[in-house]
Amino acid sequence: MARTDYYYSDEAPKVNSIVAAASAIVTLKDGKIVLHKRVDNKEWSLLGGGMEYGESISETILREIKEESGLNCEIHKVIGIYTNPNHVIAYSDGEVRQEFSICFHCIADDGKIIVSDESTEVRAFTRDEIELLCLHPAQKIRIDDYFRKEAEAFIR
């Protein structure tokens, strides 16, 4: 299914759905962040996805990480809640979704990185490498928030 992201665009179609979703800054032991290159929009992205019936949001993010990367993780903390009505996501099946996502920092504890059918590539990147990637602005905001909160933790 194809996906088109509209970000502060007058051309965005009318929203017909809001889905509880989760995303994650997944870090490895060396501090690198795991990202995947999405099949649906061809951009690098945090791991994550929509909540399914019968699961909690923490179960959602751990399931999505496992499905999309093969990694098992532990949730460390919440990075933020992202609910920008100016980020509209249109899918080829007619769903037009307004952004609603809780972003977590998760630490990988085991597993081997795999590529799922939702991705063309899954890799771990340093902060400097991430700066060179094609990322949607909404993804970049979450990563910047993660680094800002990590720096604040050391200042206290």
N, C-alpha and C. Protein backbone atom coordinates (compact mmCIF):
# COMPACT_ATOMS: atom_id res chain seq x y z
N MET A 1 0.84 -1.17 0.00
CA MET A 1 0.00 0.00 0.00
C MET A 1 0.89 1.24 0.00
N ALA A 2 0.61 2.16 -0.88
CA ALA A 2 1.39 3.39 -0.99
C ALA A 2 0.94 4.39 0.08
N ARG A 3 1.86 5.28 0.43
CA ARG A 3 1.62 6.28 1.47
C ARG A 3 2.15 7.62 0.98
N THR A 4 1.38 8.67 1.21
CA THR A 4 1.82 10.02 0.91
C THR A 4 1.65 10.86 2.17
N ASP A 5 2.74 11.49 2.58
CA ASP A 5 2.71 12.37 3.76
C ASP A 5 2.53 13.81 3.29
N TYR A 6 1.59 14.50 3.92
CA TYR A 6 1.37 15.92 3.69
C TYR A 6 1.74 16.63 4.99
N TYR A 7 2.58 17.62 4.88
CA TYR A 7 3.09 18.31 6.06
C TYR A 7 2.91 19.80 5.84
N TYR A 8 1.95 20.39 6.56
CA TYR A 8 1.62 21.80 6.39
C TYR A 8 1.34 22.11 4.92
N SER A 9 0.51 21.29 4.30
CA SER A 9 0.22 21.43 2.88
C SER A 9 -1.26 21.73 2.66
N ASP A 10 -1.52 22.72 1.83
CA ASP A 10 -2.90 23.04 1.44
C ASP A 10 -3.49 21.95 0.55
N GLU A 11 -2.65 21.08 0.02
CA GLU A 11 -3.10 20.01 -0.87
C GLU A 11 -3.48 18.74 -0.13
N ALA A 12 -3.37 18.75 1.19
CA ALA A 12 -3.69 17.56 1.98
C ALA A 12 -5.18 17.23 1.85
N PRO A 13 -5.50 15.96 1.63
CA PRO A 13 -6.91 15.57 1.59
C PRO A 13 -7.53 15.64 2.99
N LYS A 14 -8.85 15.56 3.03
CA LYS A 14 -9.58 15.64 4.31
C LYS A 14 -9.34 14.36 5.12
N VAL A 15 -9.04 14.54 6.38
CA VAL A 15 -8.78 13.42 7.30
C VAL A 15 -10.06 12.63 7.54
N ASN A 16 -9.93 11.29 7.55
CA ASN A 16 -11.06 10.43 7.87
C ASN A 16 -10.72 9.40 8.94
N SER A 17 -9.53 9.55 9.58
CA SER A 17 -9.10 8.55 10.55
C SER A 17 -8.05 9.12 11.49
N ILE A 18 -8.14 8.72 12.74
CA ILE A 18 -7.07 8.95 13.71
C ILE A 18 -6.78 7.60 14.35
N VAL A 19 -5.54 7.17 14.31
CA VAL A 19 -5.14 5.87 14.83
C VAL A 19 -4.08 6.06 15.89
N ALA A 20 -4.27 5.42 17.04
CA ALA A 20 -3.22 5.44 18.06
C ALA A 20 -2.02 4.68 17.51
N ALA A 21 -0.85 5.33 17.52
CA ALA A 21 0.35 4.72 16.98
C ALA A 21 1.51 4.95 17.93
N ALA A 22 2.55 4.16 17.71
CA ALA A 22 3.77 4.30 18.51
C ALA A 22 4.96 4.28 17.57
N SER A 23 5.98 5.03 17.96
CA SER A 23 7.26 5.00 17.25
C SER A 23 8.35 4.91 18.31
N ALA A 24 9.57 4.58 17.86
CA ALA A 24 10.64 4.40 18.85
C ALA A 24 11.99 4.83 18.32
N ILE A 25 12.72 5.47 19.22
CA ILE A 25 14.15 5.64 19.05
C ILE A 25 14.73 4.36 19.64
N VAL A 26 15.16 3.46 18.79
CA VAL A 26 15.73 2.19 19.24
C VAL A 26 17.25 2.32 19.21
N THR A 27 17.87 2.21 20.37
CA THR A 27 19.32 2.32 20.43
C THR A 27 19.95 0.96 20.71
N LEU A 28 21.10 0.78 20.09
CA LEU A 28 21.92 -0.42 20.33
C LEU A 28 22.90 -0.12 21.46
N LYS A 29 23.62 -1.12 21.88
CA LYS A 29 24.60 -0.94 22.97
C LYS A 29 25.65 0.12 22.66
N ASP A 30 25.98 0.29 21.37
CA ASP A 30 26.98 1.29 20.99
C ASP A 30 26.38 2.69 20.83
N GLY A 31 25.09 2.84 21.11
CA GLY A 31 24.43 4.15 21.03
C GLY A 31 23.84 4.49 19.67
N LYS A 32 24.11 3.66 18.66
CA LYS A 32 23.54 3.93 17.35
C LYS A 32 22.03 3.73 17.38
N ILE A 33 21.34 4.45 16.49
CA ILE A 33 19.88 4.40 16.38
C ILE A 33 19.49 3.58 15.17
N VAL A 34 18.56 2.66 15.38
CA VAL A 34 18.07 1.78 14.31
C VAL A 34 16.93 2.47 13.57
N LEU A 35 17.07 2.57 12.25
CA LEU A 35 16.04 3.12 11.37
C LEU A 35 15.76 2.13 10.25
N HIS A 36 14.60 2.28 9.65
CA HIS A 36 14.32 1.46 8.47
C HIS A 36 13.88 2.35 7.32
N LYS A 37 14.21 1.91 6.11
CA LYS A 37 13.79 2.64 4.91
C LYS A 37 12.47 2.02 4.48
N ARG A 38 11.42 2.81 4.57
CA ARG A 38 10.06 2.33 4.37
C ARG A 38 9.79 1.97 2.90
N VAL A 39 9.03 0.92 2.68
CA VAL A 39 8.61 0.54 1.34
C VAL A 39 7.57 1.53 0.82
N ASP A 40 6.66 1.99 1.69
CA ASP A 40 5.51 2.78 1.23
C ASP A 40 5.82 4.22 0.85
N ASN A 41 6.83 4.85 1.46
CA ASN A 41 7.15 6.23 1.06
C ASN A 41 8.63 6.44 0.72
N LYS A 42 9.42 5.37 0.81
CA LYS A 42 10.83 5.37 0.40
C LYS A 42 11.73 6.24 1.27
N GLU A 43 11.28 6.61 2.48
CA GLU A 43 12.07 7.45 3.37
C GLU A 43 12.54 6.65 4.58
N TRP A 44 13.66 7.09 5.16
CA TRP A 44 14.13 6.53 6.41
C TRP A 44 13.19 6.95 7.52
N SER A 45 12.95 6.05 8.46
CA SER A 45 11.96 6.30 9.49
C SER A 45 12.30 5.56 10.77
N LEU A 46 11.75 6.06 11.87
CA LEU A 46 11.80 5.32 13.12
C LEU A 46 10.93 4.07 12.97
N LEU A 47 11.20 3.07 13.77
CA LEU A 47 10.37 1.88 13.80
C LEU A 47 9.07 2.22 14.51
N GLY A 48 7.98 1.57 14.12
CA GLY A 48 6.72 1.80 14.80
C GLY A 48 5.53 1.52 13.91
N GLY A 49 4.35 1.73 14.48
CA GLY A 49 3.12 1.48 13.74
C GLY A 49 1.90 1.61 14.61
N GLY A 50 0.76 1.23 14.05
CA GLY A 50 -0.52 1.40 14.71
C GLY A 50 -0.83 0.34 15.75
N MET A 51 -1.57 0.78 16.75
CA MET A 51 -2.03 -0.10 17.82
C MET A 51 -3.09 -1.05 17.27
N GLU A 52 -3.06 -2.29 17.73
CA GLU A 52 -4.05 -3.28 17.34
C GLU A 52 -5.00 -3.51 18.51
N TYR A 53 -6.20 -3.98 18.20
CA TYR A 53 -7.17 -4.28 19.24
C TYR A 53 -6.56 -5.25 20.25
N GLY A 54 -6.82 -5.00 21.54
CA GLY A 54 -6.41 -5.91 22.59
C GLY A 54 -5.00 -5.72 23.10
N GLU A 55 -4.28 -4.71 22.60
CA GLU A 55 -2.92 -4.50 23.11
C GLU A 55 -2.78 -3.11 23.69
N SER A 56 -1.82 -2.98 24.60
CA SER A 56 -1.48 -1.67 25.16
C SER A 56 -0.51 -0.97 24.21
N ILE A 57 -0.29 0.32 24.43
CA ILE A 57 0.65 1.05 23.56
C ILE A 57 2.07 0.53 23.75
N SER A 58 2.42 0.09 24.96
CA SER A 58 3.76 -0.48 25.16
C SER A 58 3.89 -1.81 24.43
N GLU A 59 2.83 -2.60 24.41
CA GLU A 59 2.87 -3.85 23.63
C GLU A 59 2.97 -3.55 22.14
N THR A 60 2.29 -2.47 21.72
CA THR A 60 2.34 -2.07 20.31
C THR A 60 3.77 -1.79 19.87
N ILE A 61 4.48 -0.96 20.62
CA ILE A 61 5.82 -0.58 20.16
C ILE A 61 6.78 -1.76 20.19
N LEU A 62 6.69 -2.60 21.21
CA LEU A 62 7.59 -3.77 21.25
C LEU A 62 7.29 -4.74 20.12
N ARG A 63 6.01 -4.93 19.78
CA ARG A 63 5.64 -5.79 18.65
C ARG A 63 6.15 -5.21 17.34
N GLU A 64 5.93 -3.91 17.14
CA GLU A 64 6.35 -3.26 15.90
C GLU A 64 7.87 -3.31 15.72
N ILE A 65 8.60 -3.08 16.79
CA ILE A 65 10.06 -3.15 16.70
C ILE A 65 10.49 -4.55 16.29
N LYS A 66 9.91 -5.56 16.92
CA LYS A 66 10.26 -6.96 16.60
C LYS A 66 9.92 -7.28 15.14
N GLU A 67 8.71 -6.88 14.71
CA GLU A 67 8.28 -7.17 13.34
C GLU A 67 9.15 -6.47 12.31
N GLU A 68 9.50 -5.22 12.57
CA GLU A 68 10.20 -4.42 11.57
C GLU A 68 11.71 -4.56 11.59
N SER A 69 12.26 -5.05 12.71
CA SER A 69 13.73 -5.10 12.80
C SER A 69 14.30 -6.43 13.30
N GLY A 70 13.46 -7.27 13.90
CA GLY A 70 13.95 -8.51 14.49
C GLY A 70 14.52 -8.34 15.89
N LEU A 71 14.53 -7.11 16.40
CA LEU A 71 15.15 -6.84 17.70
C LEU A 71 14.14 -6.95 18.84
N ASN A 72 14.60 -7.45 19.97
CA ASN A 72 13.85 -7.42 21.22
C ASN A 72 14.37 -6.23 22.00
N CYS A 73 13.45 -5.50 22.61
CA CYS A 73 13.83 -4.27 23.30
C CYS A 73 13.18 -4.17 24.67
N GLU A 74 13.73 -3.23 25.42
CA GLU A 74 13.15 -2.82 26.68
C GLU A 74 12.80 -1.35 26.54
N ILE A 75 11.60 -0.97 26.98
CA ILE A 75 11.21 0.43 26.94
C ILE A 75 11.94 1.16 28.06
N HIS A 76 12.62 2.25 27.68
CA HIS A 76 13.38 3.03 28.64
C HIS A 76 12.57 4.23 29.15
N LYS A 77 11.98 4.99 28.20
CA LYS A 77 11.18 6.15 28.60
C LYS A 77 10.38 6.65 27.40
N VAL A 78 9.46 7.56 27.68
CA VAL A 78 8.69 8.22 26.63
C VAL A 78 9.46 9.47 26.18
N ILE A 79 9.61 9.62 24.88
CA ILE A 79 10.25 10.82 24.32
C ILE A 79 9.22 11.93 24.19
N GLY A 80 8.03 11.60 23.71
CA GLY A 80 6.99 12.61 23.56
C GLY A 80 5.75 12.06 22.91
N ILE A 81 4.70 12.88 22.91
CA ILE A 81 3.44 12.57 22.24
C ILE A 81 3.30 13.56 21.10
N TYR A 82 3.06 13.03 19.90
CA TYR A 82 3.05 13.86 18.69
C TYR A 82 1.67 13.79 18.05
N THR A 83 0.98 14.95 18.00
CA THR A 83 -0.40 15.00 17.55
C THR A 83 -0.63 16.17 16.59
N ASN A 84 0.23 16.34 15.65
CA ASN A 84 0.17 17.48 14.75
C ASN A 84 -0.94 17.30 13.70
N PRO A 85 -2.02 18.12 13.76
CA PRO A 85 -3.09 18.00 12.76
C PRO A 85 -2.66 18.46 11.36
N ASN A 86 -1.49 19.07 11.27
CA ASN A 86 -0.95 19.48 9.97
C ASN A 86 -0.06 18.43 9.33
N HIS A 87 0.05 17.27 9.97
CA HIS A 87 0.73 16.12 9.36
C HIS A 87 -0.36 15.10 9.02
N VAL A 88 -0.69 15.03 7.75
CA VAL A 88 -1.75 14.17 7.24
C VAL A 88 -1.10 13.08 6.39
N ILE A 89 -1.52 11.84 6.61
CA ILE A 89 -0.95 10.69 5.91
C ILE A 89 -2.06 10.04 5.10
N ALA A 90 -1.90 10.01 3.78
CA ALA A 90 -2.90 9.41 2.89
C ALA A 90 -2.38 8.07 2.38
N TYR A 91 -3.20 7.05 2.50
CA TYR A 91 -2.86 5.71 2.03
C TYR A 91 -3.66 5.41 0.76
N SER A 92 -3.11 4.53 -0.06
CA SER A 92 -3.74 4.20 -1.33
C SER A 92 -5.09 3.49 -1.18
N ASP A 93 -5.40 2.99 0.01
CA ASP A 93 -6.71 2.33 0.22
C ASP A 93 -7.81 3.33 0.58
N GLY A 94 -7.49 4.64 0.62
CA GLY A 94 -8.48 5.67 0.90
C GLY A 94 -8.43 6.21 2.32
N GLU A 95 -7.69 5.56 3.20
CA GLU A 95 -7.56 6.09 4.56
C GLU A 95 -6.71 7.35 4.51
N VAL A 96 -7.17 8.39 5.21
CA VAL A 96 -6.42 9.63 5.35
C VAL A 96 -6.33 9.91 6.84
N ARG A 97 -5.14 9.76 7.37
CA ARG A 97 -4.92 9.74 8.82
C ARG A 97 -4.26 11.02 9.31
N GLN A 98 -4.77 11.51 10.44
CA GLN A 98 -4.09 12.59 11.16
C GLN A 98 -3.08 11.96 12.10
N GLU A 99 -1.91 12.58 12.21
CA GLU A 99 -0.86 12.04 13.06
C GLU A 99 -1.29 11.99 14.52
N PHE A 100 -1.04 10.85 15.16
CA PHE A 100 -1.13 10.69 16.61
C PHE A 100 -0.17 9.57 16.99
N SER A 101 0.94 9.91 17.61
CA SER A 101 1.94 8.89 17.91
C SER A 101 2.65 9.20 19.22
N ILE A 102 2.85 8.16 19.99
CA ILE A 102 3.66 8.25 21.20
C ILE A 102 5.02 7.68 20.85
N CYS A 103 6.07 8.46 21.08
CA CYS A 103 7.42 8.03 20.75
C CYS A 103 8.16 7.62 22.02
N PHE A 104 8.73 6.43 21.98
CA PHE A 104 9.47 5.86 23.10
C PHE A 104 10.96 5.79 22.79
N HIS A 105 11.77 5.77 23.83
CA HIS A 105 13.17 5.37 23.69
C HIS A 105 13.23 3.93 24.17
N CYS A 106 13.65 3.05 23.28
CA CYS A 106 13.76 1.63 23.59
C CYS A 106 15.21 1.19 23.38
N ILE A 107 15.66 0.31 24.25
CA ILE A 107 17.03 -0.18 24.18
C ILE A 107 16.99 -1.64 23.75
N ALA A 108 17.70 -1.95 22.66
CA ALA A 108 17.73 -3.32 22.15
C ALA A 108 18.55 -4.18 23.09
N ASP A 109 17.99 -5.33 23.48
CA ASP A 109 18.74 -6.22 24.36
C ASP A 109 19.16 -7.52 23.68
N ASP A 110 18.48 -7.90 22.62
CA ASP A 110 18.95 -9.04 21.84
C ASP A 110 18.20 -9.10 20.51
N GLY A 111 18.56 -10.08 19.73
CA GLY A 111 17.99 -10.23 18.40
C GLY A 111 19.00 -9.82 17.35
N LYS A 112 18.71 -10.21 16.13
CA LYS A 112 19.56 -9.87 14.99
C LYS A 112 18.73 -9.02 14.03
N ILE A 113 19.32 -7.94 13.54
CA ILE A 113 18.59 -7.05 12.64
C ILE A 113 18.20 -7.80 11.37
N ILE A 114 16.91 -7.70 11.05
CA ILE A 114 16.35 -8.28 9.83
C ILE A 114 15.63 -7.18 9.05
N VAL A 115 15.28 -7.47 7.81
CA VAL A 115 14.49 -6.56 7.00
C VAL A 115 13.13 -7.20 6.80
N SER A 116 12.07 -6.49 7.19
CA SER A 116 10.71 -7.00 7.03
C SER A 116 10.16 -6.60 5.66
N ASP A 117 8.94 -7.04 5.38
CA ASP A 117 8.32 -6.66 4.11
C ASP A 117 7.86 -5.20 4.09
N GLU A 118 7.97 -4.50 5.24
CA GLU A 118 7.63 -3.09 5.30
C GLU A 118 8.82 -2.19 4.97
N SER A 119 9.99 -2.80 4.81
CA SER A 119 11.23 -2.03 4.64
C SER A 119 12.04 -2.55 3.46
N THR A 120 12.88 -1.66 2.94
CA THR A 120 13.87 -2.10 1.96
C THR A 120 15.24 -2.26 2.61
N GLU A 121 15.39 -1.64 3.79
CA GLU A 121 16.68 -1.68 4.48
C GLU A 121 16.45 -1.34 5.95
N VAL A 122 17.22 -1.96 6.83
CA VAL A 122 17.22 -1.65 8.27
C VAL A 122 18.66 -1.54 8.69
N ARG A 123 19.03 -0.39 9.28
CA ARG A 123 20.42 -0.16 9.67
C ARG A 123 20.48 0.69 10.93
N ALA A 124 21.63 0.67 11.57
CA ALA A 124 21.89 1.51 12.75
C ALA A 124 22.81 2.65 12.33
N PHE A 125 22.51 3.85 12.84
CA PHE A 125 23.22 5.05 12.44
C PHE A 125 23.69 5.85 13.65
N THR A 126 24.80 6.55 13.48
CA THR A 126 25.23 7.52 14.47
C THR A 126 24.42 8.80 14.27
N ARG A 127 24.52 9.70 15.21
CA ARG A 127 23.82 10.99 15.10
C ARG A 127 24.26 11.74 13.85
N ASP A 128 25.56 11.76 13.58
CA ASP A 128 26.07 12.47 12.40
C ASP A 128 25.57 11.83 11.11
N GLU A 129 25.49 10.52 11.07
CA GLU A 129 24.98 9.83 9.87
C GLU A 129 23.51 10.13 9.64
N ILE A 130 22.74 10.22 10.72
CA ILE A 130 21.30 10.51 10.60
C ILE A 130 21.09 11.88 9.96
N GLU A 131 21.96 12.83 10.27
CA GLU A 131 21.83 14.18 9.71
C GLU A 131 21.88 14.17 8.18
N LEU A 132 22.48 13.16 7.58
CA LEU A 132 22.64 13.09 6.13
C LEU A 132 21.51 12.34 5.42
N LEU A 133 20.59 11.74 6.20
CA LEU A 133 19.53 10.91 5.63
C LEU A 133 18.32 11.73 5.20
N CYS A 134 17.56 11.15 4.27
CA CYS A 134 16.28 11.73 3.86
C CYS A 134 15.23 11.26 4.87
N LEU A 135 14.87 12.15 5.78
CA LEU A 135 13.87 11.87 6.82
C LEU A 135 12.71 12.85 6.70
N HIS A 136 11.51 12.37 6.96
CA HIS A 136 10.37 13.26 7.02
C HIS A 136 10.57 14.20 8.21
N PRO A 137 10.17 15.47 8.10
CA PRO A 137 10.35 16.41 9.22
C PRO A 137 9.77 15.91 10.55
N ALA A 138 8.65 15.20 10.52
CA ALA A 138 8.05 14.68 11.76
C ALA A 138 8.97 13.66 12.43
N GLN A 139 9.70 12.89 11.65
CA GLN A 139 10.65 11.93 12.21
C GLN A 139 11.86 12.66 12.79
N LYS A 140 12.31 13.67 12.08
CA LYS A 140 13.47 14.46 12.53
C LYS A 140 13.18 15.14 13.88
N ILE A 141 11.96 15.64 14.05
CA ILE A 141 11.58 16.28 15.31
C ILE A 141 11.73 15.30 16.48
N ARG A 142 11.29 14.07 16.31
CA ARG A 142 11.37 13.07 17.37
C ARG A 142 12.82 12.73 17.71
N ILE A 143 13.64 12.61 16.68
CA ILE A 143 15.06 12.32 16.91
C ILE A 143 15.73 13.49 17.61
N ASP A 144 15.44 14.71 17.17
CA ASP A 144 15.99 15.90 17.84
C ASP A 144 15.54 15.97 19.29
N ASP A 145 14.26 15.65 19.55
CA ASP A 145 13.77 15.64 20.93
C ASP A 145 14.52 14.62 21.78
N TYR A 146 14.80 13.46 21.20
CA TYR A 146 15.56 12.42 21.92
C TYR A 146 16.94 12.96 22.31
N PHE A 147 17.66 13.55 21.38
CA PHE A 147 19.00 14.04 21.68
C PHE A 147 18.97 15.21 22.67
N ARG A 148 17.96 16.07 22.55
CA ARG A 148 17.83 17.18 23.50
C ARG A 148 17.55 16.64 24.91
N LYS A 149 16.68 15.66 25.03
CA LYS A 149 16.36 15.10 26.35
C LYS A 149 17.55 14.34 26.93
N GLU A 150 18.33 13.69 26.07
CA GLU A 150 19.53 13.01 26.56
C GLU A 150 20.53 14.02 27.10
N ALA A 151 20.68 15.15 26.42
CA ALA A 151 21.61 16.19 26.89
C ALA A 151 21.11 16.79 28.19
N GLU A 152 19.80 17.02 28.32
CA GLU A 152 19.22 17.56 29.55
C GLU A 152 19.46 16.62 30.73
N ALA A 153 19.42 15.32 30.48
CA ALA A 153 19.62 14.34 31.56
C ALA A 153 21.03 14.48 32.16
N PHE A 154 21.99 14.85 31.32
CA PHE A 154 23.35 14.99 31.80
C PHE A 154 23.60 16.34 32.48
N ILE A 155 22.77 17.33 32.16
CA ILE A 155 22.95 18.66 32.74
C ILE A 155 22.46 18.68 34.19
N ARG A 156 21.46 17.93 34.52
CA ARG A 156 20.82 17.98 35.84
C ARG A 156 21.77 17.66 36.92
